[in-house]
mmCIF file of all heavy atoms, coordinates in Angstrom:
data_MODEL
# 
_entry.id   MODEL 
# 
loop_
_atom_site.group_PDB 
_atom_site.id 
_atom_site.type_symbol 
_atom_site.label_atom_id 
_atom_site.label_alt_id 
_atom_site.label_comp_id 
_atom_site.label_asym_id 
_atom_site.label_entity_id 
_atom_site.label_seq_id 
_atom_site.pdbx_PDB_ins_code 
_atom_site.Cartn_x 
_atom_site.Cartn_y 
_atom_site.Cartn_z 
_atom_site.occupancy 
_atom_site.B_iso_or_equiv 
_atom_site.pdbx_formal_charge 
_atom_site.auth_seq_id 
_atom_site.auth_comp_id 
_atom_site.auth_asym_id 
_atom_site.auth_atom_id 
_atom_site.pdbx_PDB_model_num 
ATOM 1   N N   . THR A 1 1  ? 69.836 55.035 92.805 1.00 0.00 ? 1  THR A N   1 
ATOM 2   C CA  . THR A 1 1  ? 70.084 53.869 93.638 1.00 0.00 ? 1  THR A CA  1 
ATOM 3   C C   . THR A 1 1  ? 70.228 52.637 92.761 1.00 0.00 ? 1  THR A C   1 
ATOM 4   O O   . THR A 1 1  ? 69.354 52.352 91.943 1.00 0.00 ? 1  THR A O   1 
ATOM 5   C CB  . THR A 1 1  ? 68.944 53.639 94.648 1.00 0.00 ? 1  THR A CB  1 
ATOM 6   O OG1 . THR A 1 1  ? 68.805 54.786 95.487 1.00 0.00 ? 1  THR A OG1 1 
ATOM 7   C CG2 . THR A 1 1  ? 69.247 52.420 95.522 1.00 0.00 ? 1  THR A CG2 1 
ATOM 8   N N   . ILE A 1 2  ? 71.334 51.915 92.930 1.00 0.00 ? 2  ILE A N   1 
ATOM 9   C CA  . ILE A 1 2  ? 71.543 50.679 92.203 1.00 0.00 ? 2  ILE A CA  1 
ATOM 10  C C   . ILE A 1 2  ? 71.213 49.503 93.113 1.00 0.00 ? 2  ILE A C   1 
ATOM 11  O O   . ILE A 1 2  ? 71.491 49.530 94.313 1.00 0.00 ? 2  ILE A O   1 
ATOM 12  C CB  . ILE A 1 2  ? 72.987 50.578 91.655 1.00 0.00 ? 2  ILE A CB  1 
ATOM 13  C CG1 . ILE A 1 2  ? 73.120 49.393 90.694 1.00 0.00 ? 2  ILE A CG1 1 
ATOM 14  C CG2 . ILE A 1 2  ? 74.004 50.491 92.783 1.00 0.00 ? 2  ILE A CG2 1 
ATOM 15  C CD1 . ILE A 1 2  ? 74.442 49.382 89.921 1.00 0.00 ? 2  ILE A CD1 1 
ATOM 16  N N   . SER A 1 3  ? 70.602 48.474 92.555 1.00 0.00 ? 3  SER A N   1 
ATOM 17  C CA  . SER A 1 3  ? 70.267 47.282 93.312 1.00 0.00 ? 3  SER A CA  1 
ATOM 18  C C   . SER A 1 3  ? 70.290 46.077 92.387 1.00 0.00 ? 3  SER A C   1 
ATOM 19  O O   . SER A 1 3  ? 70.323 46.218 91.160 1.00 0.00 ? 3  SER A O   1 
ATOM 20  C CB  . SER A 1 3  ? 68.898 47.419 93.987 1.00 0.00 ? 3  SER A CB  1 
ATOM 21  O OG  . SER A 1 3  ? 67.872 47.591 93.027 1.00 0.00 ? 3  SER A OG  1 
ATOM 22  N N   . ARG A 1 4  ? 70.276 44.892 92.982 1.00 0.00 ? 4  ARG A N   1 
ATOM 23  C CA  . ARG A 1 4  ? 70.334 43.677 92.191 1.00 0.00 ? 4  ARG A CA  1 
ATOM 24  C C   . ARG A 1 4  ? 69.441 42.608 92.783 1.00 0.00 ? 4  ARG A C   1 
ATOM 25  O O   . ARG A 1 4  ? 69.362 42.447 94.003 1.00 0.00 ? 4  ARG A O   1 
ATOM 26  C CB  . ARG A 1 4  ? 71.780 43.170 92.101 1.00 0.00 ? 4  ARG A CB  1 
ATOM 27  C CG  . ARG A 1 4  ? 71.934 41.870 91.324 1.00 0.00 ? 4  ARG A CG  1 
ATOM 28  C CD  . ARG A 1 4  ? 73.367 41.387 91.363 1.00 0.00 ? 4  ARG A CD  1 
ATOM 29  N NE  . ARG A 1 4  ? 73.468 39.975 91.033 1.00 0.00 ? 4  ARG A NE  1 
ATOM 30  C CZ  . ARG A 1 4  ? 74.573 39.255 91.117 1.00 0.00 ? 4  ARG A CZ  1 
ATOM 31  N NH1 . ARG A 1 4  ? 75.701 39.824 91.529 1.00 0.00 ? 4  ARG A NH1 1 
ATOM 32  N NH2 . ARG A 1 4  ? 74.570 37.973 90.798 1.00 0.00 ? 4  ARG A NH2 1 
ATOM 33  N N   . ASP A 1 5  ? 68.758 41.891 91.921 1.00 0.00 ? 5  ASP A N   1 
ATOM 34  C CA  . ASP A 1 5  ? 67.917 40.769 92.300 1.00 0.00 ? 5  ASP A CA  1 
ATOM 35  C C   . ASP A 1 5  ? 68.249 39.618 91.371 1.00 0.00 ? 5  ASP A C   1 
ATOM 36  O O   . ASP A 1 5  ? 67.868 39.624 90.198 1.00 0.00 ? 5  ASP A O   1 
ATOM 37  C CB  . ASP A 1 5  ? 66.441 41.150 92.203 1.00 0.00 ? 5  ASP A CB  1 
ATOM 38  C CG  . ASP A 1 5  ? 65.512 40.013 92.585 1.00 0.00 ? 5  ASP A CG  1 
ATOM 39  O OD1 . ASP A 1 5  ? 65.973 39.034 93.198 1.00 0.00 ? 5  ASP A OD1 1 
ATOM 40  O OD2 . ASP A 1 5  ? 64.302 40.111 92.274 1.00 0.00 ? 5  ASP A OD2 1 
ATOM 41  N N   . ARG A 1 6  ? 68.996 38.650 91.886 1.00 0.00 ? 6  ARG A N   1 
ATOM 42  C CA  . ARG A 1 6  ? 69.454 37.506 91.101 1.00 0.00 ? 6  ARG A CA  1 
ATOM 43  C C   . ARG A 1 6  ? 70.243 37.988 89.887 1.00 0.00 ? 6  ARG A C   1 
ATOM 44  O O   . ARG A 1 6  ? 71.298 38.599 90.047 1.00 0.00 ? 6  ARG A O   1 
ATOM 45  C CB  . ARG A 1 6  ? 68.278 36.605 90.736 1.00 0.00 ? 6  ARG A CB  1 
ATOM 46  C CG  . ARG A 1 6  ? 67.612 35.972 91.955 1.00 0.00 ? 6  ARG A CG  1 
ATOM 47  C CD  . ARG A 1 6  ? 66.454 35.070 91.570 1.00 0.00 ? 6  ARG A CD  1 
ATOM 48  N NE  . ARG A 1 6  ? 66.919 33.896 90.840 1.00 0.00 ? 6  ARG A NE  1 
ATOM 49  C CZ  . ARG A 1 6  ? 67.368 32.782 91.417 1.00 0.00 ? 6  ARG A CZ  1 
ATOM 50  N NH1 . ARG A 1 6  ? 67.425 32.681 92.733 1.00 0.00 ? 6  ARG A NH1 1 
ATOM 51  N NH2 . ARG A 1 6  ? 67.758 31.774 90.661 1.00 0.00 ? 6  ARG A NH2 1 
ATOM 52  N N   . ASN A 1 7  ? 69.738 37.761 88.677 1.00 0.00 ? 7  ASN A N   1 
ATOM 53  C CA  . ASN A 1 7  ? 70.468 38.128 87.471 1.00 0.00 ? 7  ASN A CA  1 
ATOM 54  C C   . ASN A 1 7  ? 70.013 39.446 86.852 1.00 0.00 ? 7  ASN A C   1 
ATOM 55  O O   . ASN A 1 7  ? 70.323 39.726 85.694 1.00 0.00 ? 7  ASN A O   1 
ATOM 56  C CB  . ASN A 1 7  ? 70.355 37.015 86.431 1.00 0.00 ? 7  ASN A CB  1 
ATOM 57  C CG  . ASN A 1 7  ? 71.196 35.806 86.779 1.00 0.00 ? 7  ASN A CG  1 
ATOM 58  O OD1 . ASN A 1 7  ? 71.864 35.769 87.811 1.00 0.00 ? 7  ASN A OD1 1 
ATOM 59  N ND2 . ASN A 1 7  ? 71.177 34.799 85.919 1.00 0.00 ? 7  ASN A ND2 1 
ATOM 60  N N   . THR A 1 8  ? 69.301 40.236 87.631 1.00 0.00 ? 8  THR A N   1 
ATOM 61  C CA  . THR A 1 8  ? 68.811 41.518 87.146 1.00 0.00 ? 8  THR A CA  1 
ATOM 62  C C   . THR A 1 8  ? 69.337 42.655 88.010 1.00 0.00 ? 8  THR A C   1 
ATOM 63  O O   . THR A 1 8  ? 69.264 42.585 89.237 1.00 0.00 ? 8  THR A O   1 
ATOM 64  C CB  . THR A 1 8  ? 67.274 41.547 87.132 1.00 0.00 ? 8  THR A CB  1 
ATOM 65  O OG1 . THR A 1 8  ? 66.783 40.479 86.323 1.00 0.00 ? 8  THR A OG1 1 
ATOM 66  C CG2 . THR A 1 8  ? 66.770 42.861 86.564 1.00 0.00 ? 8  THR A CG2 1 
ATOM 67  N N   . VAL A 1 9  ? 69.867 43.676 87.374 1.00 0.00 ? 9  VAL A N   1 
ATOM 68  C CA  . VAL A 1 9  ? 70.318 44.858 88.079 1.00 0.00 ? 9  VAL A CA  1 
ATOM 69  C C   . VAL A 1 9  ? 69.383 46.012 87.729 1.00 0.00 ? 9  VAL A C   1 
ATOM 70  O O   . VAL A 1 9  ? 68.900 46.111 86.592 1.00 0.00 ? 9  VAL A O   1 
ATOM 71  C CB  . VAL A 1 9  ? 71.786 45.204 87.742 1.00 0.00 ? 9  VAL A CB  1 
ATOM 72  C CG1 . VAL A 1 9  ? 71.946 45.579 86.270 1.00 0.00 ? 9  VAL A CG1 1 
ATOM 73  C CG2 . VAL A 1 9  ? 72.295 46.320 88.645 1.00 0.00 ? 9  VAL A CG2 1 
ATOM 74  N N   . TYR A 1 10 ? 69.122 46.862 88.718 1.00 0.00 ? 10 TYR A N   1 
ATOM 75  C CA  . TYR A 1 10 ? 68.223 47.986 88.546 1.00 0.00 ? 10 TYR A CA  1 
ATOM 76  C C   . TYR A 1 10 ? 68.940 49.290 88.834 1.00 0.00 ? 10 TYR A C   1 
ATOM 77  O O   . TYR A 1 10 ? 69.890 49.340 89.604 1.00 0.00 ? 10 TYR A O   1 
ATOM 78  C CB  . TYR A 1 10 ? 67.022 47.876 89.492 1.00 0.00 ? 10 TYR A CB  1 
ATOM 79  C CG  . TYR A 1 10 ? 66.243 46.588 89.357 1.00 0.00 ? 10 TYR A CG  1 
ATOM 80  C CD1 . TYR A 1 10 ? 66.529 45.496 90.172 1.00 0.00 ? 10 TYR A CD1 1 
ATOM 81  C CD2 . TYR A 1 10 ? 65.219 46.466 88.427 1.00 0.00 ? 10 TYR A CD2 1 
ATOM 82  C CE1 . TYR A 1 10 ? 65.817 44.312 90.059 1.00 0.00 ? 10 TYR A CE1 1 
ATOM 83  C CE2 . TYR A 1 10 ? 64.505 45.290 88.310 1.00 0.00 ? 10 TYR A CE2 1 
ATOM 84  C CZ  . TYR A 1 10 ? 64.801 44.215 89.125 1.00 0.00 ? 10 TYR A CZ  1 
ATOM 85  O OH  . TYR A 1 10 ? 64.091 43.040 89.009 1.00 0.00 ? 10 TYR A OH  1 
ATOM 86  N N   . LEU A 1 11 ? 68.462 50.340 88.223 1.00 0.00 ? 11 LEU A N   1 
ATOM 87  C CA  . LEU A 1 11 ? 68.919 51.676 88.544 1.00 0.00 ? 11 LEU A CA  1 
ATOM 88  C C   . LEU A 1 11 ? 67.691 52.548 88.738 1.00 0.00 ? 11 LEU A C   1 
ATOM 89  O O   . LEU A 1 11 ? 67.003 52.892 87.772 1.00 0.00 ? 11 LEU A O   1 
ATOM 90  C CB  . LEU A 1 11 ? 69.811 52.253 87.445 1.00 0.00 ? 11 LEU A CB  1 
ATOM 91  C CG  . LEU A 1 11 ? 70.449 53.611 87.759 1.00 0.00 ? 11 LEU A CG  1 
ATOM 92  C CD1 . LEU A 1 11 ? 71.480 53.463 88.881 1.00 0.00 ? 11 LEU A CD1 1 
ATOM 93  C CD2 . LEU A 1 11 ? 71.099 54.211 86.519 1.00 0.00 ? 11 LEU A CD2 1 
ATOM 94  N N   . GLN A 1 12 ? 67.389 52.863 89.998 1.00 0.00 ? 12 GLN A N   1 
ATOM 95  C CA  . GLN A 1 12 ? 66.288 53.754 90.318 1.00 0.00 ? 12 GLN A CA  1 
ATOM 96  C C   . GLN A 1 12 ? 66.809 55.181 90.251 1.00 0.00 ? 12 GLN A C   1 
ATOM 97  O O   . GLN A 1 12 ? 67.701 55.547 91.008 1.00 0.00 ? 12 GLN A O   1 
ATOM 98  C CB  . GLN A 1 12 ? 65.733 53.457 91.709 1.00 0.00 ? 12 GLN A CB  1 
ATOM 99  C CG  . GLN A 1 12 ? 64.603 54.381 92.144 1.00 0.00 ? 12 GLN A CG  1 
ATOM 100 C CD  . GLN A 1 12 ? 63.360 54.215 91.306 1.00 0.00 ? 12 GLN A CD  1 
ATOM 101 O OE1 . GLN A 1 12 ? 62.870 53.109 91.129 1.00 0.00 ? 12 GLN A OE1 1 
ATOM 102 N NE2 . GLN A 1 12 ? 62.845 55.321 90.775 1.00 0.00 ? 12 GLN A NE2 1 
ATOM 103 N N   . MET A 1 13 ? 66.255 55.966 89.350 1.00 0.00 ? 13 MET A N   1 
ATOM 104 C CA  . MET A 1 13 ? 66.713 57.327 89.124 1.00 0.00 ? 13 MET A CA  1 
ATOM 105 C C   . MET A 1 13 ? 65.627 58.300 89.548 1.00 0.00 ? 13 MET A C   1 
ATOM 106 O O   . MET A 1 13 ? 64.493 58.220 89.074 1.00 0.00 ? 13 MET A O   1 
ATOM 107 C CB  . MET A 1 13 ? 67.071 57.543 87.654 1.00 0.00 ? 13 MET A CB  1 
ATOM 108 C CG  . MET A 1 13 ? 68.095 56.552 87.120 1.00 0.00 ? 13 MET A CG  1 
ATOM 109 S SD  . MET A 1 13 ? 68.620 56.934 85.427 1.00 0.00 ? 13 MET A SD  1 
ATOM 110 C CE  . MET A 1 13 ? 67.093 56.610 84.555 1.00 0.00 ? 13 MET A CE  1 
ATOM 111 N N   . SER A 1 14 ? 65.983 59.218 90.433 1.00 0.00 ? 14 SER A N   1 
ATOM 112 C CA  . SER A 1 14 ? 65.061 60.233 90.917 1.00 0.00 ? 14 SER A CA  1 
ATOM 113 C C   . SER A 1 14 ? 65.671 61.607 90.719 1.00 0.00 ? 14 SER A C   1 
ATOM 114 O O   . SER A 1 14 ? 66.881 61.745 90.532 1.00 0.00 ? 14 SER A O   1 
ATOM 115 C CB  . SER A 1 14 ? 64.737 60.006 92.395 1.00 0.00 ? 14 SER A CB  1 
ATOM 116 O OG  . SER A 1 14 ? 64.127 58.754 92.607 1.00 0.00 ? 14 SER A OG  1 
ATOM 117 N N   . ASP A 1 15 ? 64.817 62.630 90.791 1.00 0.00 ? 15 ASP A N   1 
ATOM 118 C CA  . ASP A 1 15 ? 65.260 64.012 90.616 1.00 0.00 ? 15 ASP A CA  1 
ATOM 119 C C   . ASP A 1 15 ? 66.115 64.154 89.356 1.00 0.00 ? 15 ASP A C   1 
ATOM 120 O O   . ASP A 1 15 ? 67.204 64.718 89.374 1.00 0.00 ? 15 ASP A O   1 
ATOM 121 C CB  . ASP A 1 15 ? 66.034 64.482 91.844 1.00 0.00 ? 15 ASP A CB  1 
ATOM 122 C CG  . ASP A 1 15 ? 66.284 65.980 91.854 1.00 0.00 ? 15 ASP A CG  1 
ATOM 123 O OD1 . ASP A 1 15 ? 65.508 66.725 91.219 1.00 0.00 ? 15 ASP A OD1 1 
ATOM 124 O OD2 . ASP A 1 15 ? 67.255 66.413 92.506 1.00 0.00 ? 15 ASP A OD2 1 
ATOM 125 N N   . LEU A 1 16 ? 65.596 63.647 88.264 1.00 0.00 ? 16 LEU A N   1 
ATOM 126 C CA  . LEU A 1 16 ? 66.346 63.659 87.008 1.00 0.00 ? 16 LEU A CA  1 
ATOM 127 C C   . LEU A 1 16 ? 66.537 65.078 86.485 1.00 0.00 ? 16 LEU A C   1 
ATOM 128 O O   . LEU A 1 16 ? 65.666 65.937 86.633 1.00 0.00 ? 16 LEU A O   1 
ATOM 129 C CB  . LEU A 1 16 ? 65.642 62.800 85.966 1.00 0.00 ? 16 LEU A CB  1 
ATOM 130 C CG  . LEU A 1 16 ? 65.828 61.294 86.169 1.00 0.00 ? 16 LEU A CG  1 
ATOM 131 C CD1 . LEU A 1 16 ? 64.773 60.511 85.399 1.00 0.00 ? 16 LEU A CD1 1 
ATOM 132 C CD2 . LEU A 1 16 ? 67.229 60.872 85.742 1.00 0.00 ? 16 LEU A CD2 1 
ATOM 133 N N   . LYS A 1 17 ? 67.690 65.292 85.881 1.00 0.00 ? 17 LYS A N   1 
ATOM 134 C CA  . LYS A 1 17 ? 68.062 66.583 85.336 1.00 0.00 ? 17 LYS A CA  1 
ATOM 135 C C   . LYS A 1 17 ? 68.335 66.454 83.841 1.00 0.00 ? 17 LYS A C   1 
ATOM 136 O O   . LYS A 1 17 ? 68.664 65.366 83.366 1.00 0.00 ? 17 LYS A O   1 
ATOM 137 C CB  . LYS A 1 17 ? 69.318 67.115 86.041 1.00 0.00 ? 17 LYS A CB  1 
ATOM 138 C CG  . LYS A 1 17 ? 69.199 67.188 87.553 1.00 0.00 ? 17 LYS A CG  1 
ATOM 139 C CD  . LYS A 1 17 ? 70.528 67.567 88.193 1.00 0.00 ? 17 LYS A CD  1 
ATOM 140 C CE  . LYS A 1 17 ? 70.420 67.619 89.697 1.00 0.00 ? 17 LYS A CE  1 
ATOM 141 N NZ  . LYS A 1 17 ? 71.714 67.968 90.334 1.00 0.00 ? 17 LYS A NZ  1 
ATOM 142 N N   . PRO A 1 18 ? 68.222 67.541 83.086 1.00 0.00 ? 18 PRO A N   1 
ATOM 143 C CA  . PRO A 1 18 ? 68.509 67.467 81.647 1.00 0.00 ? 18 PRO A CA  1 
ATOM 144 C C   . PRO A 1 18 ? 69.894 66.901 81.341 1.00 0.00 ? 18 PRO A C   1 
ATOM 145 O O   . PRO A 1 18 ? 70.062 66.202 80.335 1.00 0.00 ? 18 PRO A O   1 
ATOM 146 C CB  . PRO A 1 18 ? 68.394 68.924 81.190 1.00 0.00 ? 18 PRO A CB  1 
ATOM 147 C CG  . PRO A 1 18 ? 67.392 69.516 82.124 1.00 0.00 ? 18 PRO A CG  1 
ATOM 148 C CD  . PRO A 1 18 ? 67.687 68.869 83.456 1.00 0.00 ? 18 PRO A CD  1 
ATOM 149 N N   . GLU A 1 19 ? 70.875 67.178 82.193 1.00 0.00 ? 19 GLU A N   1 
ATOM 150 C CA  . GLU A 1 19 ? 72.216 66.663 81.970 1.00 0.00 ? 19 GLU A CA  1 
ATOM 151 C C   . GLU A 1 19 ? 72.328 65.157 82.173 1.00 0.00 ? 19 GLU A C   1 
ATOM 152 O O   . GLU A 1 19 ? 73.369 64.567 81.879 1.00 0.00 ? 19 GLU A O   1 
ATOM 153 C CB  . GLU A 1 19 ? 73.241 67.390 82.855 1.00 0.00 ? 19 GLU A CB  1 
ATOM 154 C CG  . GLU A 1 19 ? 72.862 67.447 84.318 1.00 0.00 ? 19 GLU A CG  1 
ATOM 155 C CD  . GLU A 1 19 ? 72.205 68.761 84.706 1.00 0.00 ? 19 GLU A CD  1 
ATOM 156 O OE1 . GLU A 1 19 ? 71.329 69.234 83.950 1.00 0.00 ? 19 GLU A OE1 1 
ATOM 157 O OE2 . GLU A 1 19 ? 72.571 69.318 85.764 1.00 0.00 ? 19 GLU A OE2 1 
ATOM 158 N N   . ASP A 1 20 ? 71.267 64.519 82.674 1.00 0.00 ? 20 ASP A N   1 
ATOM 159 C CA  . ASP A 1 20 ? 71.232 63.065 82.775 1.00 0.00 ? 20 ASP A CA  1 
ATOM 160 C C   . ASP A 1 20 ? 70.870 62.408 81.450 1.00 0.00 ? 20 ASP A C   1 
ATOM 161 O O   . ASP A 1 20 ? 70.933 61.185 81.325 1.00 0.00 ? 20 ASP A O   1 
ATOM 162 C CB  . ASP A 1 20 ? 70.235 62.615 83.844 1.00 0.00 ? 20 ASP A CB  1 
ATOM 163 C CG  . ASP A 1 20 ? 70.643 63.032 85.246 1.00 0.00 ? 20 ASP A CG  1 
ATOM 164 O OD1 . ASP A 1 20 ? 71.843 62.957 85.568 1.00 0.00 ? 20 ASP A OD1 1 
ATOM 165 O OD2 . ASP A 1 20 ? 69.755 63.429 86.029 1.00 0.00 ? 20 ASP A OD2 1 
ATOM 166 N N   . THR A 1 21 ? 70.477 63.202 80.473 1.00 0.00 ? 21 THR A N   1 
ATOM 167 C CA  . THR A 1 21 ? 70.105 62.673 79.163 1.00 0.00 ? 21 THR A CA  1 
ATOM 168 C C   . THR A 1 21 ? 71.287 61.956 78.520 1.00 0.00 ? 21 THR A C   1 
ATOM 169 O O   . THR A 1 21 ? 72.359 62.529 78.354 1.00 0.00 ? 21 THR A O   1 
ATOM 170 C CB  . THR A 1 21 ? 69.619 63.793 78.239 1.00 0.00 ? 21 THR A CB  1 
ATOM 171 O OG1 . THR A 1 21 ? 68.415 64.358 78.771 1.00 0.00 ? 21 THR A OG1 1 
ATOM 172 C CG2 . THR A 1 21 ? 69.339 63.267 76.838 1.00 0.00 ? 21 THR A CG2 1 
ATOM 173 N N   . ALA A 1 22 ? 71.090 60.686 78.183 1.00 0.00 ? 22 ALA A N   1 
ATOM 174 C CA  . ALA A 1 22 ? 72.148 59.864 77.615 1.00 0.00 ? 22 ALA A CA  1 
ATOM 175 C C   . ALA A 1 22 ? 71.588 58.487 77.288 1.00 0.00 ? 22 ALA A C   1 
ATOM 176 O O   . ALA A 1 22 ? 70.464 58.153 77.668 1.00 0.00 ? 22 ALA A O   1 
ATOM 177 C CB  . ALA A 1 22 ? 73.315 59.727 78.598 1.00 0.00 ? 22 ALA A CB  1 
ATOM 178 N N   . VAL A 1 23 ? 72.390 57.705 76.590 1.00 0.00 ? 23 VAL A N   1 
ATOM 179 C CA  . VAL A 1 23 ? 72.101 56.284 76.457 1.00 0.00 ? 23 VAL A CA  1 
ATOM 180 C C   . VAL A 1 23 ? 72.744 55.585 77.641 1.00 0.00 ? 23 VAL A C   1 
ATOM 181 O O   . VAL A 1 23 ? 73.934 55.760 77.894 1.00 0.00 ? 23 VAL A O   1 
ATOM 182 C CB  . VAL A 1 23 ? 72.638 55.700 75.136 1.00 0.00 ? 23 VAL A CB  1 
ATOM 183 C CG1 . VAL A 1 23 ? 72.381 54.202 75.071 1.00 0.00 ? 23 VAL A CG1 1 
ATOM 184 C CG2 . VAL A 1 23 ? 71.991 56.402 73.946 1.00 0.00 ? 23 VAL A CG2 1 
ATOM 185 N N   . TYR A 1 24 ? 71.958 54.819 78.375 1.00 0.00 ? 24 TYR A N   1 
ATOM 186 C CA  . TYR A 1 24 ? 72.439 54.120 79.552 1.00 0.00 ? 24 TYR A CA  1 
ATOM 187 C C   . TYR A 1 24 ? 72.702 52.660 79.208 1.00 0.00 ? 24 TYR A C   1 
ATOM 188 O O   . TYR A 1 24 ? 71.845 51.973 78.657 1.00 0.00 ? 24 TYR A O   1 
ATOM 189 C CB  . TYR A 1 24 ? 71.428 54.228 80.698 1.00 0.00 ? 24 TYR A CB  1 
ATOM 190 C CG  . TYR A 1 24 ? 71.441 55.584 81.358 1.00 0.00 ? 24 TYR A CG  1 
ATOM 191 C CD1 . TYR A 1 24 ? 70.974 56.707 80.686 1.00 0.00 ? 24 TYR A CD1 1 
ATOM 192 C CD2 . TYR A 1 24 ? 71.949 55.742 82.645 1.00 0.00 ? 24 TYR A CD2 1 
ATOM 193 C CE1 . TYR A 1 24 ? 71.014 57.957 81.280 1.00 0.00 ? 24 TYR A CE1 1 
ATOM 194 C CE2 . TYR A 1 24 ? 71.987 56.990 83.246 1.00 0.00 ? 24 TYR A CE2 1 
ATOM 195 C CZ  . TYR A 1 24 ? 71.518 58.098 82.558 1.00 0.00 ? 24 TYR A CZ  1 
ATOM 196 O OH  . TYR A 1 24 ? 71.556 59.336 83.159 1.00 0.00 ? 24 TYR A OH  1 
ATOM 197 N N   . TYR A 1 25 ? 73.901 52.199 79.541 1.00 0.00 ? 25 TYR A N   1 
ATOM 198 C CA  . TYR A 1 25 ? 74.335 50.851 79.208 1.00 0.00 ? 25 TYR A CA  1 
ATOM 199 C C   . TYR A 1 25 ? 74.554 50.021 80.463 1.00 0.00 ? 25 TYR A C   1 
ATOM 200 O O   . TYR A 1 25 ? 75.174 50.476 81.422 1.00 0.00 ? 25 TYR A O   1 
ATOM 201 C CB  . TYR A 1 25 ? 75.644 50.877 78.419 1.00 0.00 ? 25 TYR A CB  1 
ATOM 202 C CG  . TYR A 1 25 ? 75.551 51.525 77.057 1.00 0.00 ? 25 TYR A CG  1 
ATOM 203 C CD1 . TYR A 1 25 ? 75.805 52.881 76.900 1.00 0.00 ? 25 TYR A CD1 1 
ATOM 204 C CD2 . TYR A 1 25 ? 75.215 50.772 75.943 1.00 0.00 ? 25 TYR A CD2 1 
ATOM 205 C CE1 . TYR A 1 25 ? 75.727 53.480 75.659 1.00 0.00 ? 25 TYR A CE1 1 
ATOM 206 C CE2 . TYR A 1 25 ? 75.140 51.365 74.694 1.00 0.00 ? 25 TYR A CE2 1 
ATOM 207 C CZ  . TYR A 1 25 ? 75.396 52.717 74.558 1.00 0.00 ? 25 TYR A CZ  1 
ATOM 208 O OH  . TYR A 1 25 ? 75.320 53.304 73.316 1.00 0.00 ? 25 TYR A OH  1 
ATOM 209 N N   . CYS A 1 26 ? 74.067 48.802 80.427 1.00 0.00 ? 26 CYS A N   1 
ATOM 210 C CA  . CYS A 1 26 ? 74.319 47.843 81.486 1.00 0.00 ? 26 CYS A CA  1 
ATOM 211 C C   . CYS A 1 26 ? 75.648 47.144 81.233 1.00 0.00 ? 26 CYS A C   1 
ATOM 212 O O   . CYS A 1 26 ? 75.991 46.837 80.088 1.00 0.00 ? 26 CYS A O   1 
ATOM 213 C CB  . CYS A 1 26 ? 73.185 46.821 81.527 1.00 0.00 ? 26 CYS A CB  1 
ATOM 214 S SG  . CYS A 1 26 ? 73.364 45.532 82.774 1.00 0.00 ? 26 CYS A SG  1 
ATOM 215 N N   . ASN A 1 27 ? 76.393 46.907 82.292 1.00 0.00 ? 27 ASN A N   1 
ATOM 216 C CA  . ASN A 1 27 ? 77.676 46.223 82.206 1.00 0.00 ? 27 ASN A CA  1 
ATOM 217 C C   . ASN A 1 27 ? 77.749 45.149 83.281 1.00 0.00 ? 27 ASN A C   1 
ATOM 218 O O   . ASN A 1 27 ? 77.225 45.336 84.381 1.00 0.00 ? 27 ASN A O   1 
ATOM 219 C CB  . ASN A 1 27 ? 78.817 47.223 82.380 1.00 0.00 ? 27 ASN A CB  1 
ATOM 220 C CG  . ASN A 1 27 ? 80.173 46.555 82.451 1.00 0.00 ? 27 ASN A CG  1 
ATOM 221 O OD1 . ASN A 1 27 ? 80.692 46.289 83.540 1.00 0.00 ? 27 ASN A OD1 1 
ATOM 222 N ND2 . ASN A 1 27 ? 80.760 46.281 81.293 1.00 0.00 ? 27 ASN A ND2 1 
ATOM 223 N N   . ALA A 1 28 ? 78.401 44.042 82.960 1.00 0.00 ? 28 ALA A N   1 
ATOM 224 C CA  . ALA A 1 28 ? 78.561 42.979 83.941 1.00 0.00 ? 28 ALA A CA  1 
ATOM 225 C C   . ALA A 1 28 ? 79.855 42.226 83.724 1.00 0.00 ? 28 ALA A C   1 
ATOM 226 O O   . ALA A 1 28 ? 80.264 41.986 82.583 1.00 0.00 ? 28 ALA A O   1 
ATOM 227 C CB  . ALA A 1 28 ? 77.388 42.003 83.882 1.00 0.00 ? 28 ALA A CB  1 
ATOM 228 N N   . ASP A 1 29 ? 80.509 41.876 84.820 1.00 0.00 ? 29 ASP A N   1 
ATOM 229 C CA  . ASP A 1 29 ? 81.629 40.949 84.794 1.00 0.00 ? 29 ASP A CA  1 
ATOM 230 C C   . ASP A 1 29 ? 81.078 39.602 85.218 1.00 0.00 ? 29 ASP A C   1 
ATOM 231 O O   . ASP A 1 29 ? 80.605 39.453 86.351 1.00 0.00 ? 29 ASP A O   1 
ATOM 232 C CB  . ASP A 1 29 ? 82.752 41.394 85.720 1.00 0.00 ? 29 ASP A CB  1 
ATOM 233 C CG  . ASP A 1 29 ? 83.942 40.461 85.654 1.00 0.00 ? 29 ASP A CG  1 
ATOM 234 O OD1 . ASP A 1 29 ? 84.669 40.502 84.644 1.00 0.00 ? 29 ASP A OD1 1 
ATOM 235 O OD2 . ASP A 1 29 ? 84.155 39.681 86.608 1.00 0.00 ? 29 ASP A OD2 1 
# 
């Protein structure tokens, strides 16, 4: 689930799987 509060964005990740392993990058326009 992605959400935003003012200038902060969140990514709530549940039921994580091994294939989710990665470097996660924030992006903004």
